[in-house]
Amino acid sequence: MQSWEWGEFQKAAGERVVREEIVEEGKVVGVAQWLVRELSALGRYAFCPKGPILLAHPRDVSFAKRGAVFLRIEPEGDGLLVGTIKTIDMNPACTLLTDVSTDDEALLAAMHPKTRYNIRVASKHGVEVDIAAHDFESAWRLFEQTSSRGQFALHPRRYYETMLASLSHGDCRAFLATASRDGRLLAVNIVVDFCDTRTYLHGASANEHRPLMAPYLLHWELMRDAKSKGLHWYDWWGVAPVDAQKDHPWAGISRFKRGFGGEEVVSPGTHDLVLKPWRYRLYQFARRIRRTL
């Protein structure tokens, strides 16, 4: 999300993107890619998703966005958190990374037995995976089904289409992968390759034929394909914390993801650096009201 290509995608999706070098004693020690957003009459704020990215731990970081009401950051460590306020996570603070650089046998051995079984079920019943699919019209219908079934909100359709179009080449590349049987679409994933990591960002599955376990085979083949392309990690992009309650909204999808095995990685999450306190308090009040409606 701090890559140049992701910033260009955000521009195409309608965001105002500002890029900044973080300088200390005349040396560049980090970078920040900001999404600058309006707060109606209150002014604006700047959001740095999964950033800033620091090459070192500066003693005193001074960001350029001093005209904002607040700066929203998601650093990997806690070095930038002094003086910030924890807020609702905009992107997952806890994720699962599966090392796909090993051989198939080791990957399968690290999985939950039920996950291995479900992969075999899908393969045995003729589910076929297409790593380079292009039928977004059919994929969108599955996204709508999954959203209705799971009662979660989707981005507008244009957002996903813009992502696939904008990130179709370059160092940060998004693509659609599907699982089908007898021409019937059963599961779809949108994944992004960047550096040594393939990230699973969005997924959906059909209401029908769920016993065929198509999502299991789809992820398995995406993992194997990532390995064949020299990638090291498969990022599941968010799981519920290990100590989360059983009724956590991500409980079900987290069990599914953890079944594939991997290393849990936790970051500090989303924090706000407040620059204009009274306007920030008004923003918080308005945000609480919106969330109760």
Protein backbone atom coordinates (compact mmCIF):
# COMPACT_ATOMS: atom_id res chain seq x y z
CA MET A 1 0.00 0.00 0.00
CA GLN A 2 3.04 2.25 0.09
CA SER A 3 4.17 1.24 -3.39
CA TRP A 4 4.14 3.76 -6.22
CA GLU A 5 1.76 1.58 -8.24
CA TRP A 6 -0.74 1.35 -5.38
CA GLY A 7 -0.71 5.14 -5.17
CA GLU A 8 -1.46 5.39 -8.89
CA PHE A 9 -4.36 2.97 -8.42
CA GLN A 10 -5.68 5.12 -5.57
CA LYS A 11 -5.53 8.17 -7.83
CA ALA A 12 -7.53 6.31 -10.48
CA ALA A 13 -10.05 5.34 -7.77
CA GLY A 14 -10.58 9.00 -6.91
CA GLU A 15 -8.19 9.56 -3.99
CA ARG A 16 -5.87 12.55 -3.64
CA VAL A 17 -2.40 11.06 -3.21
CA VAL A 18 0.58 12.95 -1.77
CA ARG A 19 4.02 11.38 -1.46
CA GLU A 20 6.61 12.54 1.04
CA GLU A 21 10.24 11.83 1.90
CA ILE A 22 11.01 11.70 5.62
CA VAL A 23 14.30 13.49 6.19
CA GLU A 24 16.53 13.61 9.25
CA GLU A 25 19.79 15.58 9.32
CA GLY A 26 19.68 15.94 5.56
CA LYS A 27 19.24 12.21 4.90
CA VAL A 28 16.14 10.39 3.66
CA VAL A 29 15.21 7.89 6.37
CA GLY A 30 11.72 6.93 5.18
CA VAL A 31 8.82 7.54 2.85
CA ALA A 32 5.11 8.14 3.32
CA GLN A 33 2.31 7.90 0.77
CA TRP A 34 -0.71 9.85 2.04
CA LEU A 35 -4.34 9.76 1.03
CA VAL A 36 -5.64 13.26 1.73
CA ARG A 37 -9.35 13.28 2.57
CA GLU A 38 -11.84 16.03 3.35
CA LEU A 39 -13.77 16.27 6.62
CA SER A 40 -16.50 18.56 5.33
CA ALA A 41 -16.39 21.88 7.23
CA LEU A 42 -13.75 20.62 9.68
CA GLY A 43 -10.94 20.57 7.13
CA ARG A 44 -9.01 17.49 6.04
CA TYR A 45 -6.89 14.64 7.31
CA ALA A 46 -4.13 12.54 5.75
CA PHE A 47 -4.04 8.74 5.96
CA CYS A 48 -0.87 6.70 5.43
CA PRO A 49 -2.05 3.08 4.98
CA LYS A 50 0.49 0.53 6.24
CA GLY A 51 3.04 3.29 6.66
CA PRO A 52 5.13 5.33 6.90
CA ILE A 53 7.99 3.05 5.85
CA LEU A 54 11.17 3.82 7.76
CA LEU A 55 14.71 2.71 6.92
CA ALA A 56 15.77 3.52 10.47
CA HIS A 57 14.23 4.84 13.69
CA PRO A 58 14.52 8.63 13.50
CA ARG A 59 14.82 10.59 16.72
CA ASP A 60 12.34 13.25 15.63
CA VAL A 61 10.00 12.72 12.69
CA SER A 62 8.37 15.85 11.28
CA PHE A 63 5.67 15.24 8.68
CA ALA A 64 4.82 17.85 6.08
CA LYS A 65 1.02 17.64 6.43
CA ARG A 66 0.72 20.36 9.06
CA GLY A 67 -2.47 21.80 7.55
CA ALA A 68 -4.43 18.64 8.43
CA VAL A 69 -6.70 18.11 11.43
CA PHE A 70 -4.86 14.85 12.11
CA LEU A 71 -2.52 12.34 10.51
CA ARG A 72 -3.60 8.70 10.46
CA ILE A 73 -0.71 6.23 10.39
CA GLU A 74 -0.21 2.44 10.42
CA PRO A 75 3.51 1.87 11.08
CA GLU A 76 5.02 -1.58 11.42
CA GLY A 77 6.59 -0.77 14.80
CA ASP A 78 5.86 1.50 17.73
CA GLY A 79 8.60 4.06 17.08
CA LEU A 80 6.15 6.62 15.68
CA LEU A 81 3.38 6.13 18.21
CA VAL A 82 4.47 8.62 20.87
CA GLY A 83 1.74 11.23 21.22
CA THR A 84 -0.76 9.36 19.03
CA ILE A 85 -4.26 8.10 19.79
CA LYS A 86 -5.32 4.52 18.98
CA THR A 87 -8.31 4.47 16.65
CA ILE A 88 -10.37 1.88 14.78
CA ASP A 89 -8.09 -0.20 12.56
CA MET A 90 -8.49 0.75 8.91
CA ASN A 91 -6.40 -2.22 7.74
CA PRO A 92 -5.77 -5.51 9.57
CA ALA A 93 -3.34 -5.22 12.46
CA CYS A 94 -2.97 -9.00 12.75
CA THR A 95 -2.27 -11.19 9.75
CA LEU A 96 -0.99 -14.64 8.81
CA LEU A 97 2.02 -15.23 6.56
CA THR A 98 2.53 -18.65 4.99
CA ASP A 99 6.03 -19.48 3.73
CA VAL A 100 5.43 -20.91 0.25
CA SER A 101 9.12 -21.27 -0.63
CA THR A 102 9.23 -24.83 0.73
CA ASP A 103 8.08 -27.96 -1.13
CA ASP A 104 4.47 -29.09 -1.49
CA GLU A 105 4.81 -31.89 1.01
CA ALA A 106 6.05 -29.54 3.73
CA LEU A 107 3.29 -27.03 2.96
CA LEU A 108 0.63 -29.71 3.22
CA ALA A 109 2.14 -31.14 6.38
CA ALA A 110 1.88 -27.72 8.08
CA MET A 111 -1.85 -27.48 7.34
CA HIS A 112 -4.73 -28.58 9.54
CA PRO A 113 -5.83 -32.11 8.53
CA LYS A 114 -9.29 -30.81 7.60
CA THR A 115 -7.74 -28.27 5.23
CA ARG A 116 -5.72 -30.97 3.46
CA TYR A 117 -8.84 -33.10 3.24
CA ASN A 118 -10.90 -30.29 1.71
CA ILE A 119 -8.23 -29.60 -0.90
CA ARG A 120 -8.42 -33.26 -1.92
CA VAL A 121 -12.24 -33.13 -1.99
CA ALA A 122 -12.22 -30.20 -4.43
CA SER A 123 -9.60 -31.82 -6.65
CA LYS A 124 -11.36 -35.20 -6.63
CA HIS A 125 -14.67 -33.65 -7.70
CA GLY A 126 -13.23 -31.90 -10.73
CA VAL A 127 -12.87 -28.32 -9.49
CA GLU A 128 -10.58 -26.42 -11.87
CA VAL A 129 -8.53 -23.31 -11.05
CA ASP A 130 -7.76 -20.45 -13.44
CA ILE A 131 -4.92 -18.27 -12.14
CA ALA A 132 -5.37 -15.65 -14.89
CA ALA A 133 -9.14 -15.20 -15.12
CA HIS A 134 -10.80 -12.22 -16.81
CA ASP A 135 -14.54 -12.69 -16.32
CA PHE A 136 -15.17 -9.99 -13.73
CA GLU A 137 -18.89 -9.89 -14.56
CA SER A 138 -19.39 -13.39 -13.16
CA ALA A 139 -16.95 -12.73 -10.32
CA TRP A 140 -18.93 -9.68 -9.25
CA ARG A 141 -22.09 -11.76 -8.88
CA LEU A 142 -20.19 -13.98 -6.42
CA PHE A 143 -18.97 -10.94 -4.50
CA GLU A 144 -22.58 -9.77 -4.18
CA GLN A 145 -23.72 -13.23 -3.01
CA THR A 146 -20.95 -13.41 -0.42
CA SER A 147 -21.65 -9.90 0.83
CA SER A 148 -25.32 -10.70 1.29
CA ARG A 149 -24.57 -14.04 2.98
CA GLY A 150 -21.94 -12.64 5.34
CA GLN A 151 -23.59 -9.26 5.87
CA PHE A 152 -20.50 -7.19 5.14
CA ALA A 153 -20.07 -4.17 2.90
CA LEU A 154 -18.36 -4.22 -0.48
CA HIS A 155 -16.45 -1.49 -2.19
CA PRO A 156 -18.27 -0.16 -5.25
CA ARG A 157 -17.81 -2.40 -8.26
CA ARG A 158 -15.70 0.28 -9.96
CA TYR A 159 -13.13 0.04 -7.16
CA TYR A 160 -12.31 -3.61 -7.94
CA GLU A 161 -12.37 -3.04 -11.70
CA THR A 162 -10.04 -0.06 -11.33
CA MET A 163 -7.68 -2.11 -9.16
CA LEU A 164 -7.42 -4.89 -11.73
CA ALA A 165 -6.95 -2.41 -14.59
CA SER A 166 -4.48 -0.10 -12.83
CA LEU A 167 -2.35 -2.88 -11.36
CA SER A 168 -2.18 -5.04 -14.45
CA HIS A 169 1.58 -4.68 -14.86
CA GLY A 170 4.62 -3.38 -13.02
CA ASP A 171 6.13 -4.32 -9.67
CA CYS A 172 2.75 -4.30 -7.88
CA ARG A 173 0.28 -6.45 -9.82
CA ALA A 174 -3.31 -7.42 -9.03
CA PHE A 175 -5.17 -10.23 -10.77
CA LEU A 176 -8.29 -12.35 -10.58
CA ALA A 177 -8.18 -16.10 -9.93
CA THR A 178 -11.19 -18.41 -10.07
CA ALA A 179 -12.32 -21.95 -9.24
CA SER A 180 -15.03 -23.60 -11.35
CA ARG A 181 -16.60 -26.94 -12.17
CA ASP A 182 -18.38 -27.76 -15.43
CA GLY A 183 -18.30 -24.08 -16.39
CA ARG A 184 -19.99 -22.94 -13.17
CA LEU A 185 -18.05 -20.37 -11.16
CA LEU A 186 -17.62 -21.45 -7.52
CA ALA A 187 -15.00 -19.16 -5.96
CA VAL A 188 -13.00 -16.05 -6.87
CA ASN A 189 -10.01 -14.28 -5.33
CA ILE A 190 -8.34 -10.96 -6.05
CA VAL A 191 -4.67 -11.15 -5.08
CA VAL A 192 -1.73 -8.76 -5.35
CA ASP A 193 1.91 -9.65 -6.01
CA PHE A 194 4.52 -7.22 -4.69
CA CYS A 195 8.18 -7.86 -3.92
CA ASP A 196 8.39 -11.38 -2.45
CA THR A 197 4.76 -11.58 -1.28
CA ARG A 198 1.40 -12.57 -2.73
CA THR A 199 -1.43 -10.96 -0.75
CA TYR A 200 -4.99 -12.27 -0.69
CA LEU A 201 -7.07 -9.09 -0.59
CA HIS A 202 -10.60 -10.05 -1.61
CA GLY A 203 -12.49 -13.31 -2.02
CA ALA A 204 -15.98 -14.64 -2.65
CA SER A 205 -17.76 -17.95 -3.15
CA ALA A 206 -21.05 -19.15 -4.59
CA ASN A 207 -24.04 -20.00 -2.44
CA GLU A 208 -24.45 -23.31 -4.28
CA HIS A 209 -22.12 -26.34 -4.32
CA ARG A 210 -20.34 -25.36 -1.13
CA PRO A 211 -19.54 -29.02 -0.26
CA LEU A 212 -17.14 -29.02 -3.24
CA MET A 213 -14.74 -26.93 -1.14
CA ALA A 214 -13.61 -24.83 -4.11
CA PRO A 215 -12.03 -22.00 -2.02
CA TYR A 216 -9.57 -24.48 -0.49
CA LEU A 217 -8.25 -25.66 -3.84
CA LEU A 218 -8.19 -22.09 -5.18
CA HIS A 219 -5.89 -20.91 -2.39
CA TRP A 220 -3.73 -24.03 -2.62
CA GLU A 221 -3.12 -23.48 -6.33
CA LEU A 222 -2.46 -19.77 -5.74
CA MET A 223 0.15 -20.71 -3.14
CA ARG A 224 1.80 -23.21 -5.48
CA ASP A 225 1.76 -20.67 -8.32
CA ALA A 226 3.33 -18.04 -6.06
CA LYS A 227 6.14 -20.47 -5.25
CA SER A 228 6.68 -21.21 -8.95
CA LYS A 229 7.15 -17.47 -9.56
CA GLY A 230 9.81 -17.22 -6.88
CA LEU A 231 7.67 -15.53 -4.23
CA HIS A 232 8.33 -16.31 -0.58
CA TRP A 233 5.18 -15.39 1.36
CA TYR A 234 1.43 -15.76 1.04
CA ASP A 235 -0.17 -12.98 3.09
CA TRP A 236 -3.72 -13.78 4.21
CA TRP A 237 -4.41 -10.10 4.89
CA GLY A 238 -6.02 -10.19 8.26
CA VAL A 239 -7.06 -12.67 10.94
CA ALA A 240 -8.77 -12.15 14.27
CA PRO A 241 -6.35 -11.86 17.21
CA VAL A 242 -5.47 -15.19 18.80
CA ASP A 243 -7.24 -14.19 22.02
CA ALA A 244 -10.37 -12.86 20.26
CA GLN A 245 -13.81 -13.87 21.47
CA LYS A 246 -15.56 -16.73 19.66
CA ASP A 247 -18.16 -14.29 18.30
CA HIS A 248 -15.51 -12.05 16.69
CA PRO A 249 -16.78 -11.07 13.21
CA TRP A 250 -13.66 -12.59 11.65
CA ALA A 251 -13.79 -15.83 13.65
CA GLY A 252 -14.99 -18.04 10.80
CA ILE A 253 -12.73 -16.69 8.06
CA SER A 254 -9.78 -16.73 10.51
CA ARG A 255 -10.27 -20.46 11.18
CA PHE A 256 -10.31 -21.03 7.43
CA LYS A 257 -7.08 -19.06 6.90
CA ARG A 258 -5.23 -20.55 9.87
CA GLY A 259 -5.99 -24.01 8.55
CA PHE A 260 -3.33 -23.42 5.88
CA GLY A 261 -0.63 -22.84 8.49
CA GLY A 262 1.72 -19.92 8.82
CA GLU A 263 3.30 -17.30 11.03
CA GLU A 264 1.17 -14.77 12.90
CA VAL A 265 2.35 -11.16 12.50
CA VAL A 266 0.97 -8.34 14.64
CA SER A 267 1.43 -4.59 14.06
CA PRO A 268 0.32 -1.67 16.26
CA GLY A 269 -2.71 -0.94 14.07
CA THR A 270 -4.14 2.46 13.16
CA HIS A 271 -3.22 5.55 15.18
CA ASP A 272 -4.05 9.24 14.86
CA LEU A 273 -1.55 12.04 15.41
CA VAL A 274 -3.75 14.99 16.34
CA LEU A 275 -2.72 18.41 15.06
CA LYS A 276 -5.90 20.40 15.76
CA PRO A 277 -7.42 19.02 18.99
CA TRP A 278 -10.82 20.74 19.08
CA ARG A 279 -11.58 19.91 15.45
CA TYR A 280 -10.48 16.31 16.11
CA ARG A 281 -12.91 16.09 19.03
CA LEU A 282 -15.73 17.27 16.77
CA TYR A 283 -14.69 14.68 14.19
CA GLN A 284 -14.76 11.91 16.82
CA PHE A 285 -18.20 12.99 18.00
CA ALA A 286 -19.58 12.99 14.45
CA ARG A 287 -17.97 9.60 13.77
CA ARG A 288 -19.63 8.04 16.82
CA ILE A 289 -23.01 9.37 15.72
CA ARG A 290 -22.59 7.95 12.21
CA ARG A 291 -21.71 4.52 13.60
CA THR A 292 -24.90 4.41 15.70
CA LEU A 293 -27.21 5.22 12.76
